[in-house]
Amino acid sequence: MYSTSESYYDGNGHMRRPGEKFDDYAGFSRKPGEAFTDSKGFSRRPGESFYDGKGFSRRPGDSFYDGKGFSRRP
């Protein structure tokens, strides 16, 4: 859902830098390390698998698609 190594687009399509608060896919502001809502509406805790911006299931540490569909490193 968020990257600690590069800038990315959050769940509302806003550009974020690593370590910044981000908006999850439900529109709530979150800090990295907090629970968040993934792209399919599931609540996820850090360390759990999640659905990325294109709806693919990802494990922590996997590359993922951000809120605008760009491939990002975790």
PDB file of N, CA and C in Angstrom:
ATOM      1  N   MET A   1       0.825  -1.202   0.000  1.00  0.00           N
ATOM      2  CA  MET A   1       0.000   0.000   0.000  1.00  0.00           C
ATOM      3  C   MET A   1       0.857   1.249   0.000  1.00  0.00           C
ATOM      4  N   TYR A   2       2.002   1.222   0.656  1.00  0.00           N
ATOM      5  CA  TYR A   2       2.884   2.390   0.670  1.00  0.00           C
ATOM      6  C   TYR A   2       4.327   1.924   0.486  1.00  0.00           C
ATOM      7  N   SER A   3       5.161   2.832   0.047  1.00  0.00           N
ATOM      8  CA  SER A   3       6.560   2.514  -0.212  1.00  0.00           C
ATOM      9  C   SER A   3       7.454   3.212   0.806  1.00  0.00           C
ATOM     10  N   THR A   4       8.509   2.526   1.216  1.00  0.00           N
ATOM     11  CA  THR A   4       9.503   3.142   2.096  1.00  0.00           C
ATOM     12  C   THR A   4      10.776   3.477   1.331  1.00  0.00           C
ATOM     13  N   SER A   5      10.765   3.254  -0.010  1.00  0.00           N
ATOM     14  CA  SER A   5      11.980   3.464  -0.795  1.00  0.00           C
ATOM     15  C   SER A   5      11.830   4.479  -1.927  1.00  0.00           C
ATOM     16  N   GLU A   6      10.593   4.801  -2.333  1.00  0.00           N
ATOM     17  CA  GLU A   6      10.395   5.746  -3.434  1.00  0.00           C
ATOM     18  C   GLU A   6       9.031   6.424  -3.317  1.00  0.00           C
ATOM     19  N   SER A   7       8.863   7.541  -4.031  1.00  0.00           N
ATOM     20  CA  SER A   7       7.568   8.226  -4.042  1.00  0.00           C
ATOM     21  C   SER A   7       6.538   7.352  -4.751  1.00  0.00           C
ATOM     22  N   TYR A   8       5.272   7.551  -4.408  1.00  0.00           N
ATOM     23  CA  TYR A   8       4.184   6.723  -4.942  1.00  0.00           C
ATOM     24  C   TYR A   8       2.880   7.505  -4.848  1.00  0.00           C
ATOM     25  N   TYR A   9       1.844   7.018  -5.539  1.00  0.00           N
ATOM     26  CA  TYR A   9       0.506   7.598  -5.443  1.00  0.00           C
ATOM     27  C   TYR A   9      -0.307   6.775  -4.454  1.00  0.00           C
ATOM     28  N   ASP A  10      -0.962   7.475  -3.508  1.00  0.00           N
ATOM     29  CA  ASP A  10      -1.750   6.768  -2.494  1.00  0.00           C
ATOM     30  C   ASP A  10      -3.129   6.374  -3.025  1.00  0.00           C
ATOM     31  N   GLY A  11      -3.987   5.904  -2.146  1.00  0.00           N
ATOM     32  CA  GLY A  11      -5.307   5.424  -2.532  1.00  0.00           C
ATOM     33  C   GLY A  11      -6.226   6.481  -3.113  1.00  0.00           C
ATOM     34  N   ASN A  12      -5.930   7.757  -2.883  1.00  0.00           N
ATOM     35  CA  ASN A  12      -6.707   8.852  -3.466  1.00  0.00           C
ATOM     36  C   ASN A  12      -5.997   9.498  -4.640  1.00  0.00           C
ATOM     37  N   GLY A  13      -4.869   8.924  -5.072  1.00  0.00           N
ATOM     38  CA  GLY A  13      -4.146   9.443  -6.222  1.00  0.00           C
ATOM     39  C   GLY A  13      -3.227  10.612  -5.922  1.00  0.00           C
ATOM     40  N   HIS A  14      -2.904  10.845  -4.644  1.00  0.00           N
ATOM     41  CA  HIS A  14      -1.983  11.917  -4.269  1.00  0.00           C
ATOM     42  C   HIS A  14      -0.554  11.386  -4.204  1.00  0.00           C
ATOM     43  N   MET A  15       0.391  12.156  -4.732  1.00  0.00           N
ATOM     44  CA  MET A  15       1.800  11.774  -4.675  1.00  0.00           C
ATOM     45  C   MET A  15       2.294  11.890  -3.233  1.00  0.00           C
ATOM     46  N   ARG A  16       2.950  10.826  -2.759  1.00  0.00           N
ATOM     47  CA  ARG A  16       3.491  10.788  -1.391  1.00  0.00           C
ATOM     48  C   ARG A  16       4.953  10.376  -1.431  1.00  0.00           C
ATOM     49  N   ARG A  17       5.715  10.894  -0.477  1.00  0.00           N
ATOM     50  CA  ARG A  17       7.112  10.498  -0.305  1.00  0.00           C
ATOM     51  C   ARG A  17       7.184   9.428   0.781  1.00  0.00           C
ATOM     52  N   PRO A  18       8.254   8.618   0.768  1.00  0.00           N
ATOM     53  CA  PRO A  18       8.400   7.605   1.823  1.00  0.00           C
ATOM     54  C   PRO A  18       8.325   8.243   3.212  1.00  0.00           C
ATOM     55  N   GLY A  19       7.594   7.607   4.122  1.00  0.00           N
ATOM     56  CA  GLY A  19       7.465   8.087   5.494  1.00  0.00           C
ATOM     57  C   GLY A  19       6.337   9.070   5.733  1.00  0.00           C
ATOM     58  N   GLU A  20       5.747   9.614   4.660  1.00  0.00           N
ATOM     59  CA  GLU A  20       4.628  10.555   4.819  1.00  0.00           C
ATOM     60  C   GLU A  20       3.345   9.816   5.141  1.00  0.00           C
ATOM     61  N   LYS A  21       2.408  10.529   5.775  1.00  0.00           N
ATOM     62  CA  LYS A  21       1.052   9.994   5.905  1.00  0.00           C
ATOM     63  C   LYS A  21       0.497   9.779   4.499  1.00  0.00           C
ATOM     64  N   PHE A  22      -0.418   8.829   4.376  1.00  0.00           N
ATOM     65  CA  PHE A  22      -1.035   8.534   3.076  1.00  0.00           C
ATOM     66  C   PHE A  22      -2.513   8.274   3.270  1.00  0.00           C
ATOM     67  N   ASP A  23      -3.280   8.396   2.197  1.00  0.00           N
ATOM     68  CA  ASP A  23      -4.711   8.066   2.222  1.00  0.00           C
ATOM     69  C   ASP A  23      -4.871   6.639   1.730  1.00  0.00           C
ATOM     70  N   ASP A  24      -5.588   5.820   2.526  1.00  0.00           N
ATOM     71  CA  ASP A  24      -5.839   4.454   2.075  1.00  0.00           C
ATOM     72  C   ASP A  24      -6.983   4.455   1.065  1.00  0.00           C
ATOM     73  N   TYR A  25      -7.386   3.283   0.593  1.00  0.00           N
ATOM     74  CA  TYR A  25      -8.415   3.216  -0.445  1.00  0.00           C
ATOM     75  C   TYR A  25      -9.813   3.546   0.071  1.00  0.00           C
ATOM     76  N   ALA A  26      -9.972   3.678   1.380  1.00  0.00           N
ATOM     77  CA  ALA A  26     -11.254   4.115   1.939  1.00  0.00           C
ATOM     78  C   ALA A  26     -11.259   5.625   2.167  1.00  0.00           C
ATOM     79  N   GLY A  27     -10.108   6.289   1.897  1.00  0.00           N
ATOM     80  CA  GLY A  27     -10.017   7.736   2.041  1.00  0.00           C
ATOM     81  C   GLY A  27      -9.551   8.222   3.404  1.00  0.00           C
ATOM     82  N   PHE A  28      -9.139   7.293   4.272  1.00  0.00           N
ATOM     83  CA  PHE A  28      -8.666   7.680   5.601  1.00  0.00           C
ATOM     84  C   PHE A  28      -7.174   7.957   5.587  1.00  0.00           C
ATOM     85  N   SER A  29      -6.762   8.987   6.329  1.00  0.00           N
ATOM     86  CA  SER A  29      -5.350   9.321   6.445  1.00  0.00           C
ATOM     87  C   SER A  29      -4.677   8.339   7.406  1.00  0.00           C
ATOM     88  N   ARG A  30      -3.572   7.754   6.973  1.00  0.00           N
ATOM     89  CA  ARG A  30      -2.859   6.755   7.784  1.00  0.00           C
ATOM     90  C   ARG A  30      -1.371   7.092   7.847  1.00  0.00           C
ATOM     91  N   LYS A  31      -0.742   6.650   8.919  1.00  0.00           N
ATOM     92  CA  LYS A  31       0.704   6.730   9.037  1.00  0.00           C
ATOM     93  C   LYS A  31       1.268   5.385   8.605  1.00  0.00           C
ATOM     94  N   PRO A  32       2.450   5.369   7.970  1.00  0.00           N
ATOM     95  CA  PRO A  32       3.070   4.066   7.682  1.00  0.00           C
ATOM     96  C   PRO A  32       3.190   3.256   8.968  1.00  0.00           C
ATOM     97  N   GLY A  33       2.819   1.991   8.898  1.00  0.00           N
ATOM     98  CA  GLY A  33       2.833   1.133  10.084  1.00  0.00           C
ATOM     99  C   GLY A  33       1.475   0.957  10.730  1.00  0.00           C
ATOM    100  N   GLU A  34       0.477   1.763  10.332  1.00  0.00           N
ATOM    101  CA  GLU A  34      -0.889   1.613  10.847  1.00  0.00           C
ATOM    102  C   GLU A  34      -1.687   0.680   9.944  1.00  0.00           C
ATOM    103  N   ALA A  35      -2.779   0.155  10.480  1.00  0.00           N
ATOM    104  CA  ALA A  35      -3.709  -0.630   9.669  1.00  0.00           C
ATOM    105  C   ALA A  35      -4.283   0.267   8.577  1.00  0.00           C
ATOM    106  N   PHE A  36      -4.647  -0.316   7.435  1.00  0.00           N
ATOM    107  CA  PHE A  36      -5.172   0.440   6.301  1.00  0.00           C
ATOM    108  C   PHE A  36      -6.189  -0.396   5.541  1.00  0.00           C
ATOM    109  N   THR A  37      -6.953   0.243   4.682  1.00  0.00           N
ATOM    110  CA  THR A  37      -7.925  -0.438   3.833  1.00  0.00           C
ATOM    111  C   THR A  37      -7.307  -0.611   2.449  1.00  0.00           C
ATOM    112  N   ASP A  38      -7.284  -1.856   1.952  1.00  0.00           N
ATOM    113  CA  ASP A  38      -6.680  -2.112   0.640  1.00  0.00           C
ATOM    114  C   ASP A  38      -7.675  -1.814  -0.486  1.00  0.00           C
ATOM    115  N   SER A  39      -7.275  -2.068  -1.724  1.00  0.00           N
ATOM    116  CA  SER A  39      -8.085  -1.674  -2.881  1.00  0.00           C
ATOM    117  C   SER A  39      -9.385  -2.462  -3.030  1.00  0.00           C
ATOM    118  N   LYS A  40      -9.528  -3.578  -2.329  1.00  0.00           N
ATOM    119  CA  LYS A  40     -10.778  -4.342  -2.370  1.00  0.00           C
ATOM    120  C   LYS A  40     -11.621  -4.125  -1.121  1.00  0.00           C
ATOM    121  N   GLY A  41     -11.214  -3.167  -0.269  1.00  0.00           N
ATOM    122  CA  GLY A  41     -12.011  -2.802   0.896  1.00  0.00           C
ATOM    123  C   GLY A  41     -11.740  -3.593   2.156  1.00  0.00           C
ATOM    124  N   PHE A  42     -10.681  -4.412   2.156  1.00  0.00           N
ATOM    125  CA  PHE A  42     -10.343  -5.199   3.332  1.00  0.00           C
ATOM    126  C   PHE A  42      -9.416  -4.407   4.251  1.00  0.00           C
ATOM    127  N   SER A  43      -9.654  -4.502   5.550  1.00  0.00           N
ATOM    128  CA  SER A  43      -8.775  -3.872   6.526  1.00  0.00           C
ATOM    129  C   SER A  43      -7.544  -4.757   6.708  1.00  0.00           C
ATOM    130  N   ARG A  44      -6.371  -4.157   6.583  1.00  0.00           N
ATOM    131  CA  ARG A  44      -5.113  -4.914   6.678  1.00  0.00           C
ATOM    132  C   ARG A  44      -4.194  -4.295   7.715  1.00  0.00           C
ATOM    133  N   ARG A  45      -3.487  -5.145   8.414  1.00  0.00           N
ATOM    134  CA  ARG A  45      -2.458  -4.705   9.344  1.00  0.00           C
ATOM    135  C   ARG A  45      -1.101  -4.848   8.661  1.00  0.00           C
ATOM    136  N   PRO A  46      -0.124  -4.050   9.079  1.00  0.00           N
ATOM    137  CA  PRO A  46       1.223  -4.230   8.503  1.00  0.00           C
ATOM    138  C   PRO A  46       1.677  -5.673   8.674  1.00  0.00           C
ATOM    139  N   GLY A  47       2.307  -6.217   7.651  1.00  0.00           N
ATOM    140  CA  GLY A  47       2.757  -7.604   7.688  1.00  0.00           C
ATOM    141  C   GLY A  47       1.780  -8.578   7.067  1.00  0.00           C
ATOM    142  N   GLU A  48       0.551  -8.130   6.758  1.00  0.00           N
ATOM    143  CA  GLU A  48      -0.438  -8.988   6.113  1.00  0.00           C
ATOM    144  C   GLU A  48      -0.417  -8.772   4.602  1.00  0.00           C
ATOM    145  N   SER A  49      -0.851  -9.791   3.863  1.00  0.00           N
ATOM    146  CA  SER A  49      -1.024  -9.630   2.419  1.00  0.00           C
ATOM    147  C   SER A  49      -2.123  -8.613   2.170  1.00  0.00           C
ATOM    148  N   PHE A  50      -2.090  -7.966   0.989  1.00  0.00           N
ATOM    149  CA  PHE A  50      -3.073  -6.934   0.659  1.00  0.00           C
ATOM    150  C   PHE A  50      -3.303  -6.908  -0.847  1.00  0.00           C
ATOM    151  N   TYR A  51      -4.389  -6.256  -1.262  1.00  0.00           N
ATOM    152  CA  TYR A  51      -4.674  -6.066  -2.680  1.00  0.00           C
ATOM    153  C   TYR A  51      -4.166  -4.684  -3.084  1.00  0.00           C
ATOM    154  N   ASP A  52      -3.359  -4.650  -4.154  1.00  0.00           N
ATOM    155  CA  ASP A  52      -2.740  -3.389  -4.584  1.00  0.00           C
ATOM    156  C   ASP A  52      -3.674  -2.582  -5.489  1.00  0.00           C
ATOM    157  N   GLY A  53      -3.138  -1.524  -6.105  1.00  0.00           N
ATOM    158  CA  GLY A  53      -3.926  -0.603  -6.926  1.00  0.00           C
ATOM    159  C   GLY A  53      -4.558  -1.206  -8.158  1.00  0.00           C
ATOM    160  N   LYS A  54      -4.094  -2.364  -8.606  1.00  0.00           N
ATOM    161  CA  LYS A  54      -4.709  -3.051  -9.742  1.00  0.00           C
ATOM    162  C   LYS A  54      -5.482  -4.288  -9.305  1.00  0.00           C
ATOM    163  N   GLY A  55      -5.608  -4.475  -7.984  1.00  0.00           N
ATOM    164  CA  GLY A  55      -6.386  -5.600  -7.466  1.00  0.00           C
ATOM    165  C   GLY A  55      -5.629  -6.903  -7.340  1.00  0.00           C
ATOM    166  N   PHE A  56      -4.298  -6.871  -7.485  1.00  0.00           N
ATOM    167  CA  PHE A  56      -3.493  -8.077  -7.340  1.00  0.00           C
ATOM    168  C   PHE A  56      -3.141  -8.294  -5.872  1.00  0.00           C
ATOM    169  N   SER A  57      -3.140  -9.550  -5.452  1.00  0.00           N
ATOM    170  CA  SER A  57      -2.764  -9.887  -4.084  1.00  0.00           C
ATOM    171  C   SER A  57      -1.249  -9.782  -3.949  1.00  0.00           C
ATOM    172  N   ARG A  58      -0.797  -9.067  -2.932  1.00  0.00           N
ATOM    173  CA  ARG A  58       0.637  -8.860  -2.698  1.00  0.00           C
ATOM    174  C   ARG A  58       0.986  -9.209  -1.262  1.00  0.00           C
ATOM    175  N   ARG A  59       2.199  -9.722  -1.088  1.00  0.00           N
ATOM    176  CA  ARG A  59       2.727  -9.973   0.249  1.00  0.00           C
ATOM    177  C   ARG A  59       3.626  -8.804   0.636  1.00  0.00           C
ATOM    178  N   PRO A  60       3.812  -8.566   1.928  1.00  0.00           N
ATOM    179  CA  PRO A  60       4.758  -7.516   2.328  1.00  0.00           C
ATOM    180  C   PRO A  60       6.128  -7.792   1.708  1.00  0.00           C
ATOM    181  N   GLY A  61       6.758  -6.763   1.199  1.00  0.00           N
ATOM    182  CA  GLY A  61       8.050  -6.920   0.547  1.00  0.00           C
ATOM    183  C   GLY A  61       7.966  -7.094  -0.958  1.00  0.00           C
ATOM    184  N   ASP A  62       6.762  -7.385  -1.493  1.00  0.00           N
ATOM    185  CA  ASP A  62       6.575  -7.495  -2.945  1.00  0.00           C
ATOM    186  C   ASP A  62       6.472  -6.110  -3.566  1.00  0.00           C
ATOM    187  N   SER A  63       6.869  -5.980  -4.822  1.00  0.00           N
ATOM    188  CA  SER A  63       6.545  -4.766  -5.575  1.00  0.00           C
ATOM    189  C   SER A  63       5.028  -4.722  -5.716  1.00  0.00           C
ATOM    190  N   PHE A  64       4.470  -3.537  -5.913  1.00  0.00           N
ATOM    191  CA  PHE A  64       3.019  -3.390  -5.982  1.00  0.00           C
ATOM    192  C   PHE A  64       2.658  -2.266  -6.943  1.00  0.00           C
ATOM    193  N   TYR A  65       1.388  -2.244  -7.359  1.00  0.00           N
ATOM    194  CA  TYR A  65       0.871  -1.147  -8.171  1.00  0.00           C
ATOM    195  C   TYR A  65       0.244  -0.118  -7.233  1.00  0.00           C
ATOM    196  N   ASP A  66       0.628   1.152  -7.421  1.00  0.00           N
ATOM    197  CA  ASP A  66       0.131   2.202  -6.531  1.00  0.00           C
ATOM    198  C   ASP A  66      -1.257   2.676  -6.947  1.00  0.00           C
ATOM    199  N   GLY A  67      -1.716   3.772  -6.354  1.00  0.00           N
ATOM    200  CA  GLY A  67      -3.063   4.288  -6.580  1.00  0.00           C
ATOM    201  C   GLY A  67      -3.353   4.770  -7.993  1.00  0.00           C
ATOM    202  N   LYS A  68      -2.312   4.946  -8.823  1.00  0.00           N
ATOM    203  CA  LYS A  68      -2.512   5.315 -10.225  1.00  0.00           C
ATOM    204  C   LYS A  68      -2.032   4.225 -11.176  1.00  0.00           C
ATOM    205  N   GLY A  69      -1.707   3.052 -10.630  1.00  0.00           N
ATOM    206  CA  GLY A  69      -1.348   1.903 -11.461  1.00  0.00           C
ATOM    207  C   GLY A  69       0.123   1.799 -11.847  1.00  0.00           C
ATOM    208  N   PHE A  70       0.991   2.581 -11.193  1.00  0.00           N
ATOM    209  CA  PHE A  70       2.414   2.496 -11.466  1.00  0.00           C
ATOM    210  C   PHE A  70       3.060   1.441 -10.562  1.00  0.00           C
ATOM    211  N   SER A  71       3.995   0.698 -11.119  1.00  0.00           N
ATOM    212  CA  SER A  71       4.701  -0.327 -10.338  1.00  0.00           C
ATOM    213  C   SER A  71       5.690   0.357  -9.395  1.00  0.00           C
ATOM    214  N   ARG A  72       5.661  -0.037  -8.120  1.00  0.00           N
ATOM    215  CA  ARG A  72       6.518   0.558  -7.093  1.00  0.00           C
ATOM    216  C   ARG A  72       7.216  -0.532  -6.278  1.00  0.00           C
ATOM    217  N   ARG A  73       8.377  -0.176  -5.743  1.00  0.00           N
ATOM    218  CA  ARG A  73       9.085  -1.047  -4.803  1.00  0.00           C
ATOM    219  C   ARG A  73       8.535  -0.781  -3.408  1.00  0.00           C
ATOM    220  N   PRO A  74       8.569  -1.781  -2.554  1.00  0.00           N
ATOM    221  CA  PRO A  74       8.045  -1.583  -1.193  1.00  0.00           C
ATOM    222  C   PRO A  74       8.857  -0.585  -0.379  1.00  0.00           C
TER     223      PRO A  74
END
